[in-house]
Amino acid sequence: MSRFLNVLRSWLVMVSVIAAGNTLQSFRDHGFLSEKLYTASPGLVNGLQARTFGVWTLLSSVIRCLCAIDIRNRTLYHITLFTFFLALAHFLSEVFIYHTAALTIGVMAPLMVASK
């Protein structure tokens, strides 16, 4: 396997593990989202929204991990790529359209990961 694919696999696993951690945090305490991501409108964050965010993040984590395992599966690769586009669109819309998030480190980190 090429060196690039090995690096990509490692990166996908790392991103997947971080997303799984964010999932756990979203289920444990919904204040996590209002403190780190949706800082411009923390009053809009509630438990239901946090759990929905957690499920979405868990799904992305699983897809990315499966892609790391089977990196040569074109369909899975494209689905994985779409998860990054979806995350990028979500965070950009929350910052620039809905104004529920500010460009803090909590938002910049997922934007950088999603844009890679």
Protein backbone atom coordinates (compact mmCIF):
# COMPACT_ATOMS: atom_id res chain seq x y z
CA MET A 1 0.00 0.00 0.00
CA SER A 2 1.27 3.45 -0.81
CA ARG A 3 2.58 5.71 1.89
CA PHE A 4 -0.19 8.24 1.19
CA LEU A 5 -2.90 5.64 1.84
CA ASN A 6 -1.22 4.61 5.09
CA VAL A 7 -1.13 8.23 6.26
CA LEU A 8 -4.75 8.71 5.18
CA ARG A 9 -5.81 5.58 7.06
CA SER A 10 -4.04 6.75 10.21
CA TRP A 11 -5.60 10.20 9.92
CA LEU A 12 -9.08 8.71 9.44
CA VAL A 13 -8.66 6.53 12.53
CA MET A 14 -7.49 9.52 14.58
CA VAL A 15 -10.43 11.66 13.41
CA SER A 16 -12.79 8.76 14.09
CA VAL A 17 -11.55 8.31 17.65
CA ILE A 18 -11.83 12.04 18.36
CA ALA A 19 -15.38 12.03 16.97
CA ALA A 20 -16.28 9.06 19.19
CA GLY A 21 -15.03 11.08 22.17
CA ASN A 22 -17.16 14.04 21.11
CA THR A 23 -20.12 11.68 20.85
CA LEU A 24 -19.66 10.53 24.43
CA GLN A 25 -19.31 14.11 25.59
CA SER A 26 -22.51 15.11 23.77
CA PHE A 27 -24.46 12.36 25.50
CA ARG A 28 -22.90 13.02 28.90
CA ASP A 29 -23.35 16.80 29.12
CA HIS A 30 -25.10 19.01 26.60
CA GLY A 31 -23.28 22.01 28.04
CA PHE A 32 -20.28 20.79 26.05
CA LEU A 33 -21.90 22.02 22.83
CA SER A 34 -22.86 25.42 24.20
CA GLU A 35 -19.37 25.95 25.67
CA LYS A 36 -17.31 24.72 22.70
CA LEU A 37 -19.34 24.97 19.49
CA TYR A 38 -22.54 26.98 19.62
CA THR A 39 -21.12 29.81 21.73
CA ALA A 40 -23.04 32.59 19.93
CA SER A 41 -26.41 31.12 20.98
CA PRO A 42 -25.83 28.81 23.94
CA GLY A 43 -29.46 29.09 25.04
CA LEU A 44 -30.55 27.16 21.93
CA VAL A 45 -28.58 24.08 22.95
CA ASN A 46 -30.62 21.49 24.83
CA GLY A 47 -30.31 17.80 25.60
CA LEU A 48 -32.22 16.68 22.51
CA GLN A 49 -30.06 18.76 20.19
CA ALA A 50 -26.91 17.46 21.89
CA ARG A 51 -27.98 13.83 21.53
CA THR A 52 -28.87 14.38 17.87
CA PHE A 53 -25.46 15.95 17.32
CA GLY A 54 -23.93 12.97 19.14
CA VAL A 55 -25.66 10.43 16.91
CA TRP A 56 -24.62 12.34 13.78
CA THR A 57 -21.03 12.48 15.05
CA LEU A 58 -21.07 8.77 15.93
CA LEU A 59 -22.32 7.89 12.44
CA SER A 60 -19.54 9.95 10.88
CA SER A 61 -17.03 8.29 13.20
CA VAL A 62 -18.13 4.79 12.22
CA ILE A 63 -18.09 5.60 8.50
CA ARG A 64 -14.60 7.10 8.73
CA CYS A 65 -13.29 4.15 10.73
CA LEU A 66 -14.74 1.67 8.23
CA CYS A 67 -13.11 3.62 5.41
CA ALA A 68 -9.77 3.42 7.22
CA ILE A 69 -10.18 -0.36 7.38
CA ASP A 70 -11.23 -0.72 3.73
CA ILE A 71 -9.56 2.31 2.15
CA ARG A 72 -9.73 0.87 -1.38
CA ASN A 73 -13.54 0.61 -1.41
CA ARG A 74 -14.48 3.46 -3.77
CA THR A 75 -18.09 3.71 -2.60
CA LEU A 76 -17.12 3.83 1.06
CA TYR A 77 -14.37 6.32 0.25
CA HIS A 78 -16.86 8.66 -1.45
CA ILE A 79 -19.36 8.33 1.41
CA THR A 80 -16.56 9.18 3.84
CA LEU A 81 -15.59 12.19 1.77
CA PHE A 82 -19.22 13.31 1.84
CA THR A 83 -19.22 13.19 5.67
CA PHE A 84 -16.46 15.80 5.62
CA PHE A 85 -18.36 18.00 3.13
CA LEU A 86 -21.49 17.70 5.26
CA ALA A 87 -19.59 18.70 8.42
CA LEU A 88 -17.99 21.63 6.60
CA ALA A 89 -21.36 22.85 5.33
CA HIS A 90 -22.92 22.46 8.79
CA PHE A 91 -20.29 24.43 10.67
CA LEU A 92 -19.99 27.14 8.02
CA SER A 93 -23.77 27.60 7.98
CA GLU A 94 -23.90 27.80 11.78
CA VAL A 95 -21.25 30.53 11.73
CA PHE A 96 -22.23 32.57 8.69
CA ILE A 97 -25.95 31.92 8.11
CA TYR A 98 -27.56 31.05 11.44
CA HIS A 99 -25.05 32.90 13.67
CA THR A 100 -25.27 30.26 16.41
CA ALA A 101 -21.53 29.61 16.42
CA ALA A 102 -18.57 31.96 16.51
CA LEU A 103 -15.15 31.38 14.99
CA THR A 104 -13.60 30.05 18.19
CA ILE A 105 -11.11 27.20 18.48
CA GLY A 106 -14.05 24.87 19.14
CA VAL A 107 -15.43 25.62 15.67
CA MET A 108 -12.15 26.20 13.86
CA ALA A 109 -10.87 22.71 14.70
CA PRO A 110 -13.74 20.84 13.01
CA LEU A 111 -13.64 23.30 10.12
CA MET A 112 -9.96 22.55 9.55
CA VAL A 113 -10.54 18.79 9.78
CA ALA A 114 -13.55 18.95 7.45
CA SER A 115 -11.69 21.02 4.87
CA LYS A 116 -8.67 18.69 4.57
